[in-house]
Amino acid sequence: MLNLHFIMYLKNIHLVQFRNHPKASFHFNQKIIGICGKNGAGKSNLLDAIYMLCLIKSYFNRTDSNSVHFLSDGYLIEGIFNLEFASCDTTLKLKYKMNEKKQLNFNEERYTKMGDHIGKYPCVFSSPEKLSIITEGNTERRRYMDVLFSQLSPKYLQHCLEYNKVLLQRNAYLKNALVSQHYDTQLLHIYAQQLCHHAQNIFESRTKYFCIFEQIVLDMYHKIASQKDNLSLKYSSSLSQPNYFELFTQNIELDKRTAKTNMGVHKDELDFLIDNVSIKHYGSQGQKKTLLLALTIAECRLINTYLNKKPILIMDDLLEHLDQDRILKFITILKDEPLPQIFISSPLKDNLMQTLSFLDNTYQIIEIKPS
């Protein structure tokens, strides 16, 4: 596989039996692309297909079967990327067939490990649904950190995969042992050692990335916000305590009673605070939307800082229902971000064209009509 360290942009994408696109091709000839069409026409599905070429998994669906067109047995997403300084274009093919493993090909060469692809084509996706990382529980925020940080480091991704694998094994063992009331002390000790090894690496990476990410978010938030809010971000983990392994083993009786692992990085917390109070419960809608815009820019900058690659930015209906002042401030910041490609969708063509004109005089509009 090539070691890709240049500016990239997507030239075209071909969809077969993907969601409500039985067969469709789209060609992109500008840096800024607007996608418009009525609700249900397939705008989000097209944007999600682009995201999947970059990160393999869907932004919206947890299972691949939900991405298959009605009465079909699989889907194909094929994209051609132009890479700056590369002698030729590169082709990515993501194929899925019911009851089979998903397959990703790079110029007809199949990835043996799908995780090797993560970070080679960095991408940031933002939409109103992303407010869930602010309004929902810590599970959503941990998932958010993992998706972002996995693009920065293959090692981080690998430690997350291994940690979750051992965690599932340990929890399954605890459930079975609760029934039999027979516990293998040596096996529990081995599980603890394995979890602590991966957890330590995950914690160190999260701490390192979070420190830089926090500063970018705060800076962007204050540039977009119409008022001076005392915003802060807080990352907390049980691994911040000394003698983590001892704490882990001391927790074993609680784990036996509950038949699950109650301590570890899978319990880490990320919170967004205004005046030291969680924005989740007490923040206004304006504050939450401003934070979402700040997070979007911060993701792009963090990726560029660590990978020396600028991500493709996808915004699905993100700027709908925002006041003009907030949109203009966000667009002004975005104009200073030399991103290789920006996709923005909206059901309203006139509003979309106005937004795109703020970004650049040259842009492309693609209007999607219902199949």
Protein backbone atom coordinates (compact mmCIF):
# COMPACT_ATOMS: atom_id res chain seq x y z
CA MET A 1 0.00 0.00 0.00
CA LEU A 2 1.16 3.53 -0.69
CA ASN A 3 2.07 5.84 2.16
CA LEU A 4 -0.24 8.72 1.28
CA HIS A 5 0.96 12.09 2.50
CA PHE A 6 -0.50 14.55 0.02
CA ILE A 7 -3.59 16.62 -0.54
CA MET A 8 -6.40 14.48 -1.92
CA TYR A 9 -9.81 15.06 -3.41
CA LEU A 10 -12.56 12.80 -4.61
CA LYS A 11 -13.14 12.98 -8.38
CA ASN A 12 -16.17 10.73 -8.66
CA ILE A 13 -18.16 8.09 -6.84
CA HIS A 14 -20.28 5.21 -8.14
CA LEU A 15 -23.00 3.55 -6.06
CA VAL A 16 -24.71 0.23 -6.71
CA GLN A 17 -27.62 -1.01 -4.55
CA PHE A 18 -26.66 1.42 -1.80
CA ARG A 19 -29.64 2.58 0.29
CA ASN A 20 -32.04 4.45 -2.02
CA HIS A 21 -29.51 4.61 -4.86
CA PRO A 22 -29.98 1.44 -6.97
CA LYS A 23 -27.36 2.72 -9.40
CA ALA A 24 -25.90 6.22 -9.48
CA SER A 25 -22.69 8.05 -10.38
CA PHE A 26 -21.59 11.50 -9.28
CA HIS A 27 -18.67 13.53 -10.61
CA PHE A 28 -16.98 16.28 -8.61
CA ASN A 29 -14.99 19.00 -10.35
CA GLN A 30 -14.63 21.64 -7.64
CA LYS A 31 -13.18 21.97 -4.18
CA ILE A 32 -16.57 23.02 -2.78
CA ILE A 33 -19.59 20.90 -3.65
CA GLY A 34 -23.19 21.59 -2.69
CA ILE A 35 -25.66 18.72 -2.57
CA CYS A 36 -29.32 19.72 -2.71
CA GLY A 37 -32.63 17.95 -3.09
CA LYS A 38 -35.83 17.23 -1.22
CA ASN A 39 -35.76 15.31 2.03
CA GLY A 40 -35.56 11.61 1.28
CA ALA A 41 -33.94 12.12 -2.13
CA GLY A 42 -30.67 10.55 -0.97
CA LYS A 43 -28.40 13.49 -0.06
CA SER A 44 -27.31 12.01 3.27
CA ASN A 45 -26.82 8.59 1.69
CA LEU A 46 -24.44 10.03 -0.90
CA LEU A 47 -22.45 11.85 1.79
CA ASP A 48 -22.37 8.72 3.95
CA ALA A 49 -21.00 6.73 1.01
CA ILE A 50 -18.11 9.22 0.75
CA TYR A 51 -17.52 8.85 4.49
CA MET A 52 -17.52 5.06 4.20
CA LEU A 53 -14.83 5.11 1.51
CA CYS A 54 -12.65 7.01 3.98
CA LEU A 55 -13.50 5.25 7.25
CA ILE A 56 -15.12 1.97 6.12
CA LYS A 57 -18.05 2.24 8.56
CA SER A 58 -21.26 4.16 8.03
CA TYR A 59 -21.75 7.40 9.93
CA PHE A 60 -25.44 6.61 10.43
CA ASN A 61 -25.88 2.82 10.49
CA ARG A 62 -24.22 0.36 12.86
CA THR A 63 -24.89 -2.67 10.66
CA ASP A 64 -24.03 -3.02 6.96
CA SER A 65 -27.27 -4.80 6.15
CA ASN A 66 -29.11 -1.52 6.81
CA SER A 67 -27.16 0.10 3.98
CA VAL A 68 -28.31 -2.39 1.36
CA HIS A 69 -30.96 -1.29 -1.17
CA PHE A 70 -34.38 -2.87 -0.69
CA LEU A 71 -34.56 -6.48 -1.92
CA SER A 72 -30.83 -6.52 -2.80
CA ASP A 73 -28.15 -8.78 -1.34
CA GLY A 74 -25.27 -6.29 -1.10
CA TYR A 75 -23.84 -2.95 -2.18
CA LEU A 76 -20.83 -1.47 -3.94
CA ILE A 77 -19.24 1.94 -3.37
CA GLU A 78 -16.44 2.88 -5.76
CA GLY A 79 -14.53 6.15 -5.65
CA ILE A 80 -11.65 7.62 -7.60
CA PHE A 81 -9.32 9.94 -5.70
CA ASN A 82 -6.77 12.34 -7.09
CA LEU A 83 -3.68 12.59 -4.91
CA GLU A 84 -1.42 15.60 -5.24
CA PHE A 85 2.03 14.66 -6.59
CA ALA A 86 0.85 11.12 -7.39
CA SER A 87 1.45 9.93 -10.94
CA CYS A 88 -2.05 8.49 -11.29
CA ASP A 89 -5.46 8.40 -9.64
CA THR A 90 -6.31 5.82 -7.01
CA THR A 91 -9.46 3.73 -6.86
CA LEU A 92 -11.19 2.51 -3.72
CA LYS A 93 -13.88 -0.16 -3.86
CA LEU A 94 -15.95 -1.02 -0.80
CA LYS A 95 -18.06 -4.12 -1.32
CA TYR A 96 -20.53 -5.85 0.96
CA LYS A 97 -22.61 -8.95 0.44
CA MET A 98 -25.13 -10.32 2.89
CA ASN A 99 -23.66 -12.90 5.31
CA GLU A 100 -20.14 -12.20 4.06
CA LYS A 101 -17.31 -10.01 5.31
CA LYS A 102 -17.04 -6.52 3.94
CA GLN A 103 -14.20 -6.05 1.47
CA LEU A 104 -12.12 -2.98 0.65
CA ASN A 105 -9.85 -2.82 -2.40
CA PHE A 106 -7.15 -0.23 -3.05
CA ASN A 107 -6.37 -0.19 -6.80
CA GLU A 108 -7.70 -3.77 -7.01
CA GLU A 109 -5.45 -4.84 -4.11
CA ARG A 110 -7.53 -6.13 -1.22
CA TYR A 111 -6.81 -4.98 2.30
CA THR A 112 -6.03 -7.94 4.53
CA LYS A 113 -6.64 -5.75 7.59
CA MET A 114 -9.37 -3.15 7.17
CA GLY A 115 -7.91 -1.13 10.03
CA ASP A 116 -4.83 -0.38 7.91
CA HIS A 117 -6.99 1.95 5.83
CA ILE A 118 -8.03 4.22 8.70
CA GLY A 119 -6.18 7.54 8.59
CA LYS A 120 -5.03 7.26 4.97
CA TYR A 121 -8.07 9.15 3.72
CA PRO A 122 -9.00 11.35 6.71
CA CYS A 123 -12.54 12.64 6.84
CA VAL A 124 -14.70 14.75 9.15
CA PHE A 125 -18.48 14.35 9.08
CA SER A 126 -20.78 16.78 10.86
CA SER A 127 -24.56 16.94 10.99
CA PRO A 128 -27.36 17.83 13.43
CA GLU A 129 -27.30 14.17 14.55
CA LYS A 130 -23.82 14.84 15.92
CA LEU A 131 -25.42 16.88 18.69
CA SER A 132 -25.85 13.50 20.40
CA ILE A 133 -22.23 13.71 21.57
CA ILE A 134 -23.29 16.79 23.53
CA THR A 135 -26.80 15.84 24.59
CA GLU A 136 -26.48 12.07 25.15
CA GLY A 137 -24.42 9.98 27.56
CA ASN A 138 -20.69 9.30 27.73
CA THR A 139 -20.96 6.25 25.46
CA GLU A 140 -21.51 8.62 22.53
CA ARG A 141 -18.60 10.85 23.55
CA ARG A 142 -16.21 7.91 23.97
CA ARG A 143 -17.21 6.66 20.53
CA TYR A 144 -16.62 10.15 19.18
CA MET A 145 -13.10 10.25 20.67
CA ASP A 146 -12.28 6.80 19.35
CA VAL A 147 -13.36 7.55 15.77
CA LEU A 148 -11.37 10.80 15.74
CA PHE A 149 -8.25 9.52 17.52
CA SER A 150 -8.17 6.30 15.49
CA GLN A 151 -7.58 8.41 12.38
CA LEU A 152 -4.51 9.88 14.08
CA SER A 153 -2.80 6.65 15.09
CA PRO A 154 -3.04 3.03 13.88
CA LYS A 155 -1.67 1.96 17.28
CA TYR A 156 -4.52 3.69 19.07
CA LEU A 157 -7.04 1.89 16.87
CA GLN A 158 -5.35 -1.45 17.45
CA HIS A 159 -5.28 -1.01 21.23
CA CYS A 160 -8.99 -0.11 21.17
CA LEU A 161 -9.83 -3.22 19.16
CA GLU A 162 -7.78 -5.48 21.42
CA TYR A 163 -9.14 -3.87 24.60
CA ASN A 164 -12.74 -4.34 23.48
CA LYS A 165 -12.02 -7.93 22.48
CA VAL A 166 -10.63 -8.80 25.91
CA LEU A 167 -13.42 -6.84 27.61
CA LEU A 168 -16.08 -8.90 25.81
CA GLN A 169 -14.28 -12.13 26.76
CA ARG A 170 -13.99 -11.12 30.40
CA ASN A 171 -17.62 -10.03 30.66
CA ALA A 172 -18.81 -13.25 29.02
CA TYR A 173 -16.72 -15.24 31.49
CA LEU A 174 -18.13 -13.27 34.47
CA LYS A 175 -21.70 -13.96 33.32
CA ASN A 176 -21.04 -17.69 33.01
CA ALA A 177 -19.17 -17.78 36.31
CA LEU A 178 -22.05 -16.02 38.09
CA VAL A 179 -24.27 -18.96 37.19
CA SER A 180 -21.77 -21.66 38.16
CA GLN A 181 -20.31 -19.69 41.09
CA HIS A 182 -16.87 -20.97 40.09
CA TYR A 183 -14.19 -18.35 39.40
CA ASP A 184 -10.74 -19.02 37.96
CA THR A 185 -8.51 -16.56 39.81
CA GLN A 186 -5.60 -17.06 37.45
CA LEU A 187 -7.73 -16.42 34.37
CA LEU A 188 -9.17 -13.24 35.90
CA HIS A 189 -5.61 -12.09 36.64
CA ILE A 190 -4.64 -12.65 32.99
CA TYR A 191 -7.68 -10.70 31.79
CA ALA A 192 -6.73 -7.86 34.17
CA GLN A 193 -3.16 -7.76 32.85
CA GLN A 194 -4.30 -7.67 29.24
CA LEU A 195 -6.89 -4.98 29.87
CA CYS A 196 -4.44 -2.83 31.82
CA HIS A 197 -1.83 -3.05 29.04
CA HIS A 198 -4.20 -1.82 26.34
CA ALA A 199 -5.96 0.62 28.69
CA GLN A 200 -2.71 2.34 29.59
CA ASN A 201 -1.89 2.97 25.92
CA ILE A 202 -5.43 4.20 25.21
CA PHE A 203 -5.38 6.51 28.22
CA GLU A 204 -2.00 8.01 27.31
CA SER A 205 -3.13 8.68 23.74
CA ARG A 206 -6.45 10.16 24.79
CA THR A 207 -4.69 12.44 27.28
CA LYS A 208 -2.17 13.61 24.67
CA TYR A 209 -4.72 14.27 21.93
CA PHE A 210 -7.26 15.79 24.30
CA CYS A 211 -4.86 18.47 25.54
CA ILE A 212 -4.40 19.87 22.02
CA PHE A 213 -8.01 19.25 20.96
CA GLU A 214 -9.36 21.13 23.97
CA GLN A 215 -7.40 24.28 23.17
CA ILE A 216 -8.56 24.28 19.55
CA VAL A 217 -12.21 23.78 20.56
CA LEU A 218 -12.08 26.64 23.07
CA ASP A 219 -10.47 28.96 20.54
CA MET A 220 -13.00 28.13 17.83
CA TYR A 221 -15.97 28.35 20.18
CA HIS A 222 -15.08 31.86 21.33
CA LYS A 223 -14.63 33.00 17.73
CA ILE A 224 -18.08 31.72 16.73
CA ALA A 225 -20.08 32.49 19.89
CA SER A 226 -22.04 35.73 20.02
CA GLN A 227 -21.40 36.03 23.77
CA LYS A 228 -18.52 35.26 26.09
CA ASP A 229 -19.27 31.87 27.61
CA ASN A 230 -16.96 30.27 30.13
CA LEU A 231 -16.62 27.00 28.21
CA SER A 232 -14.38 24.18 29.40
CA LEU A 233 -13.81 20.53 28.46
CA LYS A 234 -13.13 17.81 30.99
CA TYR A 235 -11.68 14.37 30.36
CA SER A 236 -11.61 11.99 33.32
CA SER A 237 -10.44 8.40 33.61
CA SER A 238 -9.87 5.84 36.33
CA LEU A 239 -6.38 5.39 34.89
CA SER A 240 -5.44 8.85 36.11
CA GLN A 241 -5.21 7.32 39.58
CA PRO A 242 -1.96 5.66 40.74
CA ASN A 243 -1.78 1.87 41.08
CA TYR A 244 -4.48 1.30 38.49
CA PHE A 245 -3.85 -2.44 38.35
CA GLU A 246 -4.39 -2.74 42.10
CA LEU A 247 -7.62 -0.76 41.88
CA PHE A 248 -8.72 -3.00 39.03
CA THR A 249 -8.12 -6.19 41.01
CA GLN A 250 -9.67 -4.72 44.16
CA ASN A 251 -12.84 -4.15 42.15
CA ILE A 252 -13.20 -7.84 41.39
CA GLU A 253 -15.94 -8.53 43.95
CA LEU A 254 -18.16 -5.84 42.41
CA ASP A 255 -17.44 -7.28 38.96
CA LYS A 256 -18.49 -10.74 40.17
CA ARG A 257 -21.76 -9.46 41.62
CA THR A 258 -22.67 -7.44 38.53
CA ALA A 259 -21.18 -9.88 35.99
CA LYS A 260 -19.42 -7.06 34.13
CA THR A 261 -16.22 -5.02 34.20
CA ASN A 262 -16.94 -1.84 36.14
CA MET A 263 -13.57 -0.10 35.79
CA GLY A 264 -11.51 0.76 32.74
CA VAL A 265 -11.18 3.15 29.81
CA HIS A 266 -14.59 1.99 28.58
CA LYS A 267 -15.90 4.07 31.51
CA ASP A 268 -13.89 7.21 30.70
CA GLU A 269 -15.85 10.45 30.67
CA LEU A 270 -15.73 13.51 28.43
CA ASP A 271 -17.86 16.47 29.37
CA PHE A 272 -18.50 19.96 27.99
CA LEU A 273 -19.09 22.58 30.66
CA ILE A 274 -20.17 26.21 30.82
CA ASP A 275 -19.42 27.86 34.16
CA ASN A 276 -18.49 24.35 35.40
CA VAL A 277 -22.01 23.08 34.69
CA SER A 278 -22.66 20.44 32.02
CA ILE A 279 -23.89 21.96 28.77
CA LYS A 280 -25.82 18.72 28.24
CA HIS A 281 -28.38 19.67 30.89
CA TYR A 282 -28.21 23.44 31.14
CA GLY A 283 -26.78 24.74 27.86
CA SER A 284 -29.00 26.64 25.43
CA GLN A 285 -29.62 25.37 21.91
CA GLY A 286 -27.43 28.18 20.60
CA GLN A 287 -24.54 27.16 22.86
CA LYS A 288 -24.84 23.52 21.82
CA LYS A 289 -24.90 24.37 18.10
CA THR A 290 -21.93 26.72 18.53
CA LEU A 291 -20.02 23.95 20.27
CA LEU A 292 -20.84 21.55 17.42
CA LEU A 293 -19.40 24.01 14.88
CA ALA A 294 -16.28 24.47 17.03
CA LEU A 295 -15.83 20.69 17.28
CA THR A 296 -16.07 20.39 13.50
CA ILE A 297 -13.20 22.83 12.91
CA ALA A 298 -11.19 21.34 15.78
CA GLU A 299 -11.38 17.85 14.28
CA CYS A 300 -10.00 19.15 10.97
CA ARG A 301 -7.14 20.96 12.66
CA LEU A 302 -6.24 18.07 14.96
CA ILE A 303 -6.07 15.65 12.02
CA ASN A 304 -3.84 18.03 10.07
CA THR A 305 -1.60 18.56 13.12
CA TYR A 306 -0.86 14.87 13.59
CA LEU A 307 -1.11 13.47 10.06
CA ASN A 308 0.07 16.45 8.02
CA LYS A 309 -2.99 15.68 5.92
CA LYS A 310 -6.03 17.84 5.47
CA PRO A 311 -9.30 15.91 5.75
CA ILE A 312 -12.31 15.98 3.48
CA LEU A 313 -15.07 17.84 5.32
CA ILE A 314 -18.69 16.69 5.00
CA MET A 315 -21.52 18.79 6.43
CA ASP A 316 -24.96 17.27 6.14
CA ASP A 317 -27.68 19.88 6.79
CA LEU A 318 -25.35 21.25 9.48
CA LEU A 319 -26.01 24.92 8.76
CA GLU A 320 -29.80 24.64 8.59
CA HIS A 321 -31.70 26.43 11.36
CA LEU A 322 -28.65 28.46 12.42
CA ASP A 323 -28.74 32.23 12.69
CA GLN A 324 -26.93 34.23 10.00
CA ASP A 325 -24.34 35.66 12.39
CA ARG A 326 -23.21 32.22 13.54
CA ILE A 327 -23.07 30.89 9.98
CA LEU A 328 -20.95 33.83 8.76
CA LYS A 329 -18.48 33.47 11.64
CA PHE A 330 -18.17 29.75 10.99
CA ILE A 331 -17.74 30.26 7.23
CA THR A 332 -15.09 32.94 7.86
CA ILE A 333 -13.05 30.46 9.92
CA LEU A 334 -13.64 27.71 7.37
CA LYS A 335 -12.31 29.90 4.54
CA ASP A 336 -8.96 30.05 6.34
CA GLU A 337 -8.82 26.25 6.51
CA PRO A 338 -7.19 25.08 3.24
CA LEU A 339 -9.21 21.85 3.13
CA PRO A 340 -8.93 19.78 -0.06
CA GLN A 341 -12.67 19.32 -0.47
CA ILE A 342 -15.87 20.39 1.30
CA PHE A 343 -19.29 18.79 0.78
CA ILE A 344 -22.33 20.68 2.08
CA SER A 345 -25.93 19.52 1.76
CA SER A 346 -29.22 21.35 2.13
CA PRO A 347 -32.81 20.77 1.00
CA LEU A 348 -33.00 24.44 -0.03
CA LYS A 349 -31.00 25.25 -3.16
CA ASP A 350 -31.08 29.05 -2.77
CA ASN A 351 -29.85 28.90 0.84
CA LEU A 352 -27.15 26.45 -0.20
CA MET A 353 -25.92 28.64 -3.04
CA GLN A 354 -25.75 31.63 -0.71
CA THR A 355 -23.68 29.68 1.80
CA LEU A 356 -21.34 28.35 -0.89
CA SER A 357 -20.83 31.83 -2.33
CA PHE A 358 -19.59 32.97 1.09
CA LEU A 359 -16.98 30.20 0.96
CA ASP A 360 -15.80 30.63 -2.62
CA ASN A 361 -16.97 32.11 -5.89
CA THR A 362 -16.30 28.80 -7.59
CA TYR A 363 -18.39 25.83 -6.51
CA GLN A 364 -20.40 22.93 -7.89
CA ILE A 365 -24.07 22.21 -7.27
CA ILE A 366 -25.43 18.66 -7.54
CA GLU A 367 -29.19 18.31 -7.35
CA ILE A 368 -30.45 14.88 -6.35
CA LYS A 369 -33.90 13.83 -7.39
CA PRO A 370 -35.78 10.93 -5.73
CA SER A 371 -35.23 7.58 -7.44
